């Protein structure tokens, strides 16, 4: 029985779909004016894992994740770069999809863009005006009248009166109330614009998601997700807009993932303390080889999605070591189609049914790996069943789908750091590839040295390989295998 923590009610609830056997989930996606950072990666990985598990349970899931491809930041960045906003957004949409693939994130079923949803946005604003919940301000912009929506603040737990009392910004004479927010912005010279009943302009950020979600999933759907920072005002405003326009309940269940933190601060572009996904991938390929994307994904899943996630070199190193243990257990075992080991499958499902508790689900995989390692020595008839179960359950989390040899021997790029990899300095690098062929040649040279009883040379070769991140696994008379550190 799947239970999910509902931010709206502040408790875990049994998931009851609106339509039996079906589920609709909308997640706020990226604003594409720059590369995705690790905080964005957490949103991608968390809700990709949620989607995978819904499908495992047999639900016909429609997963929608939008793209915000027009807003103030996009316009400003395009102007700074001397390019059109379309050129800017297309480049970063392509980069976002590259990052997704590196993290084994499956594409959503529907990926609407704000600029492709203008008619629906205008129609929703017209409905809000007709329902007395929106008005044209003194500057020509269209605003939502927050005081007209009686349940404003229900998601975030904020009281509108308290918000008003704490309002410290200058009074905007175009608004009737300081809490009112913009639905449609009148065009400024040189900015992208679309024709509307209120003249040339463009949509506000909040209305975009209300229009895209309801057009994709209907006025009332099952799950809305996103980062914790979106609870207020974005998701609060979405509820007010959507329910104010349709007269129906907007969403049954709200899911919010926790922040990624660094130096005990939320990682974000606005604070400037962020690493992009591709920076981290490039930086850690020199340690983790081609499996760097899977290491990042494992790192994200190692904490419960609602908890803060502390980013550090040590955390990624631990993720690499943990994945190495799991892949080492699968090494040398042919994984064939087989029935799954019921005890582990049940324990895994119990963990995931408890609000997608991936840390506990991962602990089940480690127990599986331990039994698989023992079975290699004493119960070889069972190893195929255990290996098939380990790989299958790992696949539900988006991990362990690589060939074990490919992961353990994955290419390592020796990176020359020109600048330190810190919050304030970025790095550039040049890379050379330590090939498998070279490693095998060194292993053979070491074996030859041992046959000649040149133990000093054999030890030197082993130590040099270790310094380059290659660990040799020896048997009494041979080097049986090797792996990247």
Protein backbone atom coordinates (compact mmCIF):
# COMPACT_ATOMS: atom_id res chain seq x y z
CA UNK A 1 0.00 0.00 0.00
CA UNK A 2 1.77 3.12 -1.26
CA UNK A 3 1.86 6.01 1.20
CA UNK A 4 3.12 9.47 0.21
CA UNK A 5 3.75 12.52 2.36
CA UNK A 6 1.34 15.26 1.29
CA UNK A 7 2.73 18.75 1.87
CA UNK A 8 -0.81 20.12 1.82
CA UNK A 9 -2.04 18.00 4.75
CA UNK A 10 1.41 17.55 6.35
CA UNK A 11 1.04 13.80 6.76
CA UNK A 12 1.52 10.56 4.87
CA UNK A 13 -1.52 9.45 2.93
CA UNK A 14 -2.43 6.26 1.11
CA UNK A 15 -2.27 7.01 -2.60
CA UNK A 16 -5.77 6.78 -4.06
CA UNK A 17 -5.78 7.59 -7.78
CA UNK A 18 -8.59 9.67 -9.20
CA UNK A 19 -9.04 7.02 -11.89
CA UNK A 20 -8.43 3.39 -10.99
CA UNK A 21 -5.17 2.13 -12.46
CA UNK A 22 -4.10 5.55 -13.74
CA UNK A 23 -1.99 8.35 -12.26
CA UNK A 24 -1.18 11.89 -13.38
CA UNK A 25 1.90 13.70 -12.09
CA UNK A 26 3.10 17.22 -12.93
CA UNK A 27 6.53 18.44 -11.84
CA UNK A 28 7.86 21.96 -12.18
CA UNK A 29 10.84 21.76 -14.49
CA UNK A 30 13.72 24.03 -15.38
CA UNK A 31 13.93 27.69 -16.35
CA UNK A 32 16.35 27.32 -19.24
CA UNK A 33 18.72 30.28 -19.12
CA UNK A 34 21.76 28.38 -17.79
CA UNK A 35 23.07 24.87 -17.22
CA UNK A 36 21.31 22.64 -14.67
CA UNK A 37 22.92 22.50 -11.24
CA UNK A 38 22.93 19.67 -8.72
CA UNK A 39 19.75 21.00 -7.11
CA UNK A 40 17.99 20.59 -10.44
CA UNK A 41 19.52 17.13 -10.78
CA UNK A 42 17.84 16.14 -7.52
CA UNK A 43 14.42 17.12 -8.90
CA UNK A 44 15.11 15.14 -12.07
CA UNK A 45 16.31 12.01 -10.27
CA UNK A 46 13.73 12.04 -7.46
CA UNK A 47 10.69 12.28 -9.70
CA UNK A 48 12.16 9.96 -12.32
CA UNK A 49 12.45 7.38 -9.52
CA UNK A 50 8.88 8.10 -8.43
CA UNK A 51 7.70 7.62 -12.02
CA UNK A 52 9.62 4.35 -12.37
CA UNK A 53 8.05 2.99 -9.20
CA UNK A 54 4.51 3.96 -10.19
CA UNK A 55 4.98 2.02 -13.41
CA UNK A 56 6.41 -0.94 -11.50
CA UNK A 57 3.21 -0.96 -9.43
CA UNK A 58 1.24 -1.21 -12.66
CA UNK A 59 -0.13 2.31 -12.92
CA UNK A 60 -0.72 3.86 -16.32
CA UNK A 61 1.23 7.00 -15.44
CA UNK A 62 1.24 10.27 -17.34
CA UNK A 63 4.30 12.17 -16.19
CA UNK A 64 4.47 15.85 -17.17
CA UNK A 65 7.47 18.08 -16.52
CA UNK A 66 7.38 21.55 -18.02
CA UNK A 67 10.01 23.87 -19.46
CA UNK A 68 9.92 27.57 -18.60
CA UNK A 69 11.31 29.14 -21.76
CA UNK A 70 10.27 32.77 -21.23
CA UNK A 71 10.79 34.92 -18.15
CA UNK A 72 12.82 37.92 -16.93
CA UNK A 73 16.05 35.95 -16.41
CA UNK A 74 15.87 34.44 -19.88
CA UNK A 75 15.31 37.82 -21.51
CA UNK A 76 18.13 39.42 -19.53
CA UNK A 77 20.62 36.62 -20.31
CA UNK A 78 19.76 36.67 -24.03
CA UNK A 79 20.29 40.43 -24.13
CA UNK A 80 23.62 40.08 -22.32
CA UNK A 81 24.71 37.43 -24.84
CA UNK A 82 23.50 39.36 -27.86
CA UNK A 83 21.24 36.53 -29.04
CA UNK A 84 17.54 35.84 -29.33
CA UNK A 85 15.76 34.25 -26.39
CA UNK A 86 14.92 31.28 -28.65
CA UNK A 87 18.60 30.67 -29.45
CA UNK A 88 19.41 30.81 -25.74
CA UNK A 89 16.63 28.50 -24.59
CA UNK A 90 17.12 25.92 -27.34
CA UNK A 91 20.79 25.61 -26.42
CA UNK A 92 20.06 25.08 -22.74
CA UNK A 93 17.15 22.71 -23.41
CA UNK A 94 19.56 20.52 -25.39
CA UNK A 95 22.07 20.74 -22.52
CA UNK A 96 19.36 19.80 -19.99
CA UNK A 97 18.48 16.70 -22.00
CA UNK A 98 22.17 15.74 -22.15
CA UNK A 99 22.37 16.03 -18.36
CA UNK A 100 19.25 13.88 -17.97
CA UNK A 101 20.72 11.12 -20.09
CA UNK A 102 23.97 11.21 -18.10
CA UNK A 103 21.92 10.69 -14.91
CA UNK A 104 19.80 7.89 -16.45
CA UNK A 105 16.70 10.08 -16.15
CA UNK A 106 13.98 8.91 -18.52
CA UNK A 107 12.17 11.62 -20.50
CA UNK A 108 8.74 12.68 -19.19
CA UNK A 109 5.68 11.65 -21.19
CA UNK A 110 4.80 15.28 -21.88
CA UNK A 111 7.21 18.23 -21.79
CA UNK A 112 5.17 21.39 -22.46
CA UNK A 113 6.85 24.75 -22.99
CA UNK A 114 5.47 28.06 -21.81
CA UNK A 115 5.87 29.70 -25.21
CA UNK A 116 3.80 26.92 -26.79
CA UNK A 117 1.00 27.40 -24.24
CA UNK A 118 0.13 31.08 -24.76
CA UNK A 119 -3.51 30.50 -25.91
CA UNK A 120 -4.21 28.35 -22.84
CA UNK A 121 -2.58 30.94 -20.57
CA UNK A 122 -4.69 33.75 -22.03
CA UNK A 123 -7.86 31.66 -21.69
CA UNK A 124 -7.13 31.01 -18.00
CA UNK A 125 -6.51 34.69 -17.31
CA UNK A 126 -9.79 35.57 -19.05
CA UNK A 127 -11.59 33.05 -16.80
CA UNK A 128 -10.03 34.60 -13.70
CA UNK A 129 -11.15 38.07 -14.76
CA UNK A 130 -14.65 36.77 -15.46
CA UNK A 131 -14.72 35.17 -12.00
CA UNK A 132 -13.72 38.42 -10.31
CA UNK A 133 -10.28 37.16 -9.27
CA UNK A 134 -8.10 39.22 -11.61
CA UNK A 135 -7.95 42.81 -12.82
CA UNK A 136 -5.97 45.14 -15.06
CA UNK A 137 -3.63 47.34 -13.04
CA UNK A 138 -2.73 50.94 -13.51
CA UNK A 139 0.28 50.06 -15.67
CA UNK A 140 -1.65 47.75 -18.01
CA UNK A 141 -0.44 44.51 -16.38
CA UNK A 142 -3.04 41.96 -15.30
CA UNK A 143 -2.89 40.95 -11.62
CA UNK A 144 -4.40 38.19 -9.48
CA UNK A 145 -6.44 39.54 -6.55
CA UNK A 146 -5.11 37.42 -3.67
CA UNK A 147 -7.66 38.71 -1.15
CA UNK A 148 -10.49 37.27 -3.30
CA UNK A 149 -9.25 33.68 -2.87
CA UNK A 150 -10.27 32.50 0.59
CA UNK A 151 -7.84 29.57 0.91
CA UNK A 152 -4.67 31.45 -0.02
CA UNK A 153 -1.79 30.18 2.16
CA UNK A 154 -3.16 26.66 2.72
CA UNK A 155 -0.17 24.89 1.14
CA UNK A 156 2.64 26.89 2.70
CA UNK A 157 0.88 27.55 6.00
CA UNK A 158 1.32 31.29 5.57
CA UNK A 159 -1.32 33.75 6.74
CA UNK A 160 -2.04 36.55 4.23
CA UNK A 161 -2.49 39.04 7.09
CA UNK A 162 0.97 38.16 8.42
CA UNK A 163 2.41 38.49 4.94
CA UNK A 164 0.88 41.93 4.59
CA UNK A 165 2.18 42.99 7.99
CA UNK A 166 5.67 41.92 6.97
CA UNK A 167 5.54 43.57 3.55
CA UNK A 168 8.53 45.91 3.32
CA UNK A 169 8.77 46.59 -0.39
CA UNK A 170 7.71 49.92 -1.85
CA UNK A 171 4.03 50.11 -2.66
CA UNK A 172 3.35 49.26 -6.31
CA UNK A 173 0.65 51.72 -7.31
CA UNK A 174 -0.35 49.45 -10.20
CA UNK A 175 -1.64 46.86 -7.71
CA UNK A 176 -4.64 47.00 -5.42
CA UNK A 177 -2.88 44.89 -2.81
CA UNK A 178 0.86 44.33 -2.20
CA UNK A 179 0.32 40.54 -2.26
CA UNK A 180 -1.27 40.55 -5.71
CA UNK A 181 0.92 38.96 -8.36
CA UNK A 182 1.19 39.45 -12.09
CA UNK A 183 -0.55 37.20 -14.60
CA UNK A 184 0.23 39.10 -17.79
CA UNK A 185 3.01 41.67 -18.30
CA UNK A 186 2.69 44.42 -20.85
CA UNK A 187 5.43 44.39 -23.47
CA UNK A 188 8.54 46.50 -23.09
CA UNK A 189 10.61 47.73 -26.00
CA UNK A 190 12.84 45.01 -27.42
CA UNK A 191 11.26 42.18 -25.40
CA UNK A 192 9.44 39.12 -26.81
CA UNK A 193 5.68 39.56 -26.78
CA UNK A 194 2.41 37.97 -27.83
CA UNK A 195 -0.93 39.51 -28.74
CA UNK A 196 -3.63 39.32 -26.06
CA UNK A 197 -6.93 41.02 -25.10
CA UNK A 198 -4.81 43.36 -22.95
CA UNK A 199 -2.35 44.24 -25.70
CA UNK A 200 1.10 42.94 -26.54
CA UNK A 201 2.74 41.22 -23.59
CA UNK A 202 3.92 37.96 -22.05
CA UNK A 203 2.77 35.69 -19.22
CA UNK A 204 3.88 35.81 -15.61
CA UNK A 205 5.74 32.78 -14.31
CA UNK A 206 3.03 31.36 -12.03
CA UNK A 207 0.24 31.27 -14.60
CA UNK A 208 2.40 29.30 -17.01
CA UNK A 209 2.42 26.19 -14.80
CA UNK A 210 -1.32 26.41 -14.05
CA UNK A 211 -2.08 26.42 -17.76
CA UNK A 212 0.45 23.75 -18.74
CA UNK A 213 -0.54 21.32 -15.97
CA UNK A 214 -4.29 21.54 -16.50
CA UNK A 215 -3.96 21.33 -20.28
CA UNK A 216 -1.85 18.18 -19.91
CA UNK A 217 -3.66 16.41 -17.06
CA UNK A 218 -7.06 18.09 -16.68
CA UNK A 219 -8.39 20.57 -14.13
CA UNK A 220 -7.97 18.08 -11.27
CA UNK A 221 -5.13 15.56 -11.10
CA UNK A 222 -3.26 13.31 -8.68
CA UNK A 223 0.22 14.64 -7.87
CA UNK A 224 2.09 17.92 -8.24
CA UNK A 225 5.80 17.95 -7.40
CA UNK A 226 8.84 20.18 -7.30
CA UNK A 227 11.56 21.57 -5.09
CA UNK A 228 10.76 22.69 -1.56
CA UNK A 229 11.57 26.29 -2.48
CA UNK A 230 8.54 26.37 -4.81
CA UNK A 231 5.94 25.91 -2.06
CA UNK A 232 5.66 29.65 -1.69
CA UNK A 233 4.83 31.64 -3.64
CA UNK A 234 4.86 29.56 -6.83
CA UNK A 235 2.76 26.56 -5.86
CA UNK A 236 0.56 28.63 -3.59
CA UNK A 237 -0.18 30.89 -6.55
CA UNK A 238 -0.81 27.92 -8.81
CA UNK A 239 -3.55 26.68 -6.47
CA UNK A 240 -5.18 30.12 -6.37
CA UNK A 241 -5.06 30.51 -10.16
CA UNK A 242 -6.16 27.00 -11.11
CA UNK A 243 -8.97 26.61 -8.59
CA UNK A 244 -10.05 30.21 -9.15
CA UNK A 245 -10.31 29.63 -12.91
CA UNK A 246 -11.89 26.16 -12.95
CA UNK A 247 -13.87 26.04 -9.72
CA UNK A 248 -12.45 22.54 -9.11
CA UNK A 249 -9.89 21.13 -6.71
CA UNK A 250 -6.50 21.44 -8.38
CA UNK A 251 -4.29 18.67 -6.97
CA UNK A 252 -4.85 15.82 -4.52
CA UNK A 253 -1.29 15.40 -3.30
CA UNK A 254 1.73 17.73 -3.23
CA UNK A 255 5.30 16.37 -3.12
CA UNK A 256 8.37 18.52 -2.45
CA UNK A 257 11.97 17.37 -2.41
CA UNK A 258 14.46 18.88 0.03
CA UNK A 259 17.28 21.26 -0.79
CA UNK A 260 20.77 20.34 -1.82
CA UNK A 261 23.05 22.13 0.62
CA UNK A 262 26.68 23.10 0.54
CA UNK A 263 28.43 24.71 3.48
CA UNK A 264 25.03 24.40 5.21
CA UNK A 265 23.40 26.75 2.70
CA UNK A 266 20.85 25.92 0.04
CA UNK A 267 22.54 25.43 -3.31
CA UNK A 268 21.05 27.82 -5.87
CA UNK A 269 21.94 30.05 -8.77
CA UNK A 270 20.66 33.14 -6.97
CA UNK A 271 23.07 32.56 -4.08
CA UNK A 272 25.92 31.76 -6.44
CA UNK A 273 26.93 28.64 -4.48
CA UNK A 274 26.24 25.98 -7.05
CA UNK A 275 27.91 23.41 -9.26
CA UNK A 276 26.40 22.53 -12.60
CA UNK A 277 25.74 18.88 -13.40
CA UNK A 278 28.27 18.91 -16.21
CA UNK A 279 30.94 20.49 -14.01
CA UNK A 280 30.54 17.71 -11.47
CA UNK A 281 30.45 15.05 -14.19
CA UNK A 282 33.62 16.36 -15.79
CA UNK A 283 35.39 16.82 -12.47
CA UNK A 284 34.63 13.35 -11.15
CA UNK A 285 35.25 11.40 -14.33
CA UNK A 286 38.91 11.43 -13.34
CA UNK A 287 37.93 9.38 -10.26
CA UNK A 288 34.80 7.52 -11.25
CA UNK A 289 35.33 7.02 -14.97
CA UNK A 290 32.36 6.71 -17.28
CA UNK A 291 30.11 5.78 -14.34
CA UNK A 292 30.17 9.31 -12.92
CA UNK A 293 26.50 9.92 -13.78
CA UNK A 294 25.45 6.80 -11.91
CA UNK A 295 27.55 7.85 -8.93
CA UNK A 296 25.71 11.19 -8.79
CA UNK A 297 22.37 9.44 -9.10
CA UNK A 298 23.26 7.03 -6.27
CA UNK A 299 24.40 9.98 -4.14
CA UNK A 300 21.01 11.66 -4.62
CA UNK A 301 19.07 8.48 -3.79
CA UNK A 302 21.15 7.80 -0.68
CA UNK A 303 19.09 10.41 1.23
CA UNK A 304 15.32 10.47 1.58
CA UNK A 305 13.90 12.86 -1.00
CA UNK A 306 12.36 15.17 1.64
CA UNK A 307 15.59 15.47 3.64
CA UNK A 308 18.38 17.99 3.01
CA UNK A 309 21.16 16.55 0.86
CA UNK A 310 24.65 17.69 1.77
CA UNK A 311 26.97 17.86 -1.23
CA UNK A 312 30.67 17.10 -0.75
CA UNK A 313 33.59 15.20 -2.28
CA UNK A 314 33.33 12.69 0.57
CA UNK A 315 29.68 11.97 -0.18
CA UNK A 316 30.45 11.25 -3.83
CA UNK A 317 33.41 9.07 -2.88
CA UNK A 318 31.12 7.07 -0.59
CA UNK A 319 28.59 6.72 -3.39
CA UNK A 320 31.31 5.41 -5.71
CA UNK A 321 32.50 2.91 -3.11
CA UNK A 322 28.93 1.71 -2.50
CA UNK A 323 28.21 1.23 -6.19
CA UNK A 324 31.52 -0.61 -6.56
CA UNK A 325 30.36 -3.09 -3.88
CA UNK A 326 27.13 -3.75 -5.75
CA UNK A 327 28.75 -4.11 -9.15
CA UNK A 328 31.47 -6.34 -7.70
CA UNK A 329 28.75 -8.68 -6.45
CA UNK A 330 27.32 -8.85 -9.98
CA UNK A 331 30.73 -9.33 -11.55
CA UNK A 332 31.24 -12.68 -13.24
CA UNK A 333 27.59 -13.74 -12.90
CA UNK A 334 25.48 -14.13 -15.99
CA UNK A 335 22.19 -12.37 -15.32
CA UNK A 336 19.41 -14.32 -16.98
CA UNK A 337 15.66 -13.93 -16.93
CA UNK A 338 14.48 -15.57 -13.76
CA UNK A 339 11.89 -15.32 -11.04
CA UNK A 340 12.79 -12.77 -8.41
CA UNK A 341 13.76 -13.63 -4.85
CA UNK A 342 10.52 -12.83 -3.04
CA UNK A 343 11.92 -11.86 0.37
CA UNK A 344 14.09 -9.10 -1.07
CA UNK A 345 11.41 -7.93 -3.47
CA UNK A 346 8.90 -7.62 -0.61
CA UNK A 347 11.37 -5.72 1.59
CA UNK A 348 12.27 -3.40 -1.29
CA UNK A 349 8.62 -2.68 -2.01
CA UNK A 350 7.88 -2.04 1.68
CA UNK A 351 10.61 0.61 1.68
CA UNK A 352 9.40 2.30 -1.48
CA UNK A 353 5.76 2.11 -0.37
CA UNK A 354 6.78 4.16 2.68
CA UNK A 355 7.00 7.52 0.90
CA UNK A 356 9.69 6.35 -1.55
CA UNK A 357 12.27 5.58 1.13
CA UNK A 358 15.22 5.02 -1.19
CA UNK A 359 17.90 4.78 1.58
CA UNK A 360 16.11 1.74 3.03
CA UNK A 361 15.55 0.34 -0.48
CA UNK A 362 19.30 0.64 -1.12
CA UNK A 363 20.03 -1.22 2.12
CA UNK A 364 18.00 -4.14 0.72
CA UNK A 365 20.28 -4.16 -2.33
CA UNK A 366 23.35 -4.37 -0.11
CA UNK A 367 21.88 -7.31 1.80
CA UNK A 368 21.23 -8.95 -1.57
CA UNK A 369 24.82 -8.32 -2.66
CA UNK A 370 26.15 -9.86 0.56
CA UNK A 371 24.13 -13.04 0.03
CA UNK A 372 25.15 -13.15 -3.63
CA UNK A 373 28.83 -13.00 -2.69
CA UNK A 374 28.35 -15.86 -0.22
CA UNK A 375 26.39 -17.91 -2.77
CA UNK A 376 29.29 -17.71 -5.23
CA UNK A 377 31.24 -19.91 -2.81
CA UNK A 378 28.63 -22.26 -1.34
CA UNK A 379 25.41 -22.21 -3.39
CA UNK A 380 26.11 -21.60 -7.04
CA UNK A 381 22.62 -22.76 -8.00
CA UNK A 382 21.17 -19.65 -6.35
CA UNK A 383 23.51 -17.02 -7.77
CA UNK A 384 21.48 -16.42 -10.94
CA UNK A 385 18.29 -15.82 -8.94
CA UNK A 386 20.05 -13.41 -6.59
CA UNK A 387 21.86 -11.57 -9.39
CA UNK A 388 18.66 -11.18 -11.42
CA UNK A 389 16.86 -9.80 -8.35
CA UNK A 390 19.68 -7.37 -7.58
CA UNK A 391 19.81 -6.01 -11.11
CA UNK A 392 16.01 -5.80 -11.44
CA UNK A 393 15.48 -3.95 -8.16
CA UNK A 394 18.42 -1.69 -8.94
CA UNK A 395 16.76 -0.86 -12.25
CA UNK A 396 13.71 0.45 -10.39
CA UNK A 397 16.07 3.05 -8.91
CA UNK A 398 17.80 3.67 -12.23
CA UNK A 399 21.09 2.03 -11.20
CA UNK A 400 23.04 -1.21 -11.82
CA UNK A 401 22.10 -1.38 -15.49
CA UNK A 402 25.65 -1.09 -16.77
CA UNK A 403 27.84 -4.11 -17.46
CA UNK A 404 29.79 -4.74 -14.23
CA UNK A 405 33.11 -4.96 -16.07
CA UNK A 406 32.36 -1.71 -17.91
CA UNK A 407 31.59 0.07 -14.64
CA UNK A 408 34.49 -1.34 -12.67
CA UNK A 409 36.96 -0.83 -15.52
CA UNK A 410 35.38 2.34 -16.91
CA UNK A 411 37.67 4.84 -18.55
CA UNK A 412 39.27 7.31 -16.17
CA UNK A 413 40.19 10.74 -17.39
CA UNK A 414 43.30 12.16 -15.74
CA UNK A 415 42.37 15.78 -15.30
CA UNK A 416 44.86 18.57 -14.92
CA UNK A 417 43.22 21.13 -12.68
CA UNK A 418 44.09 24.62 -13.86
CA UNK A 419 41.96 26.37 -11.24
CA UNK A 420 40.69 24.99 -7.95
CA UNK A 421 37.25 23.40 -8.00
CA UNK A 422 35.58 25.64 -5.43
CA UNK A 423 32.45 27.73 -5.14
CA UNK A 424 34.26 30.81 -6.38
CA UNK A 425 36.61 29.29 -8.94
CA UNK A 426 35.77 27.06 -11.85
CA UNK A 427 38.23 24.77 -13.53
CA UNK A 428 39.31 23.98 -17.04
CA UNK A 429 40.93 20.69 -17.84
CA UNK A 430 42.63 18.59 -20.43
CA UNK A 431 42.20 14.85 -20.28
CA UNK A 432 44.13 11.78 -21.33
CA UNK A 433 42.67 8.31 -21.26
CA UNK A 434 44.29 5.49 -19.29
CA UNK A 435 43.20 2.68 -21.62
CA UNK A 436 42.31 -0.88 -20.73
CA UNK A 437 44.98 -2.03 -23.17
CA UNK A 438 47.67 -0.14 -21.25
CA UNK A 439 46.43 -1.52 -17.92
CA UNK A 440 46.42 -5.09 -19.24
CA UNK A 441 49.97 -4.60 -20.53
CA UNK A 442 51.08 -3.42 -17.08
CA UNK A 443 49.37 -6.38 -15.43
CA UNK A 444 51.17 -8.76 -17.78
CA UNK A 445 54.49 -7.00 -17.08
CA UNK A 446 53.83 -7.48 -13.36
CA UNK A 447 53.07 -11.18 -13.84
CA UNK A 448 56.30 -11.57 -15.83
CA UNK A 449 58.21 -9.80 -13.06
CA UNK A 450 56.72 -12.14 -10.44
CA UNK A 451 57.66 -15.19 -12.52
CA UNK A 452 61.20 -13.84 -12.64
CA UNK A 453 61.00 -13.31 -8.86
CA UNK A 454 61.59 -9.59 -9.40
CA UNK A 455 59.32 -8.70 -6.52
CA UNK A 456 60.47 -5.08 -6.36
CA UNK A 457 59.38 -4.45 -9.97
CA UNK A 458 56.09 -6.26 -9.42
CA UNK A 459 55.36 -4.11 -6.38
CA UNK A 460 56.37 -0.96 -8.27
CA UNK A 461 53.93 -1.72 -11.12
CA UNK A 462 51.14 -2.45 -8.62
CA UNK A 463 51.81 0.78 -6.72
CA UNK A 464 52.00 2.89 -9.88
CA UNK A 465 48.69 1.52 -11.08
CA UNK A 466 47.15 2.24 -7.68
CA UNK A 467 48.38 5.83 -7.87
CA UNK A 468 46.56 6.05 -11.19
CA UNK A 469 43.35 4.73 -9.63
CA UNK A 470 43.59 1.08 -10.68
CA UNK A 471 43.16 -1.62 -8.02
CA UNK A 472 44.47 -5.12 -8.78
CA UNK A 473 42.65 -8.11 -7.31
CA UNK A 474 45.12 -10.95 -6.79
CA UNK A 475 44.71 -14.68 -6.36
CA UNK A 476 47.62 -16.83 -5.05
CA UNK A 477 49.20 -17.28 -8.49
CA UNK A 478 47.53 -14.68 -10.68
CA UNK A 479 45.84 -11.28 -10.96
CA UNK A 480 42.25 -12.35 -11.41
CA UNK A 481 40.72 -8.95 -12.15
CA UNK A 482 41.08 -5.22 -11.67
CA UNK A 483 38.83 -2.23 -11.17
CA UNK A 484 38.93 1.52 -11.03
CA UNK A 485 39.25 2.98 -7.55
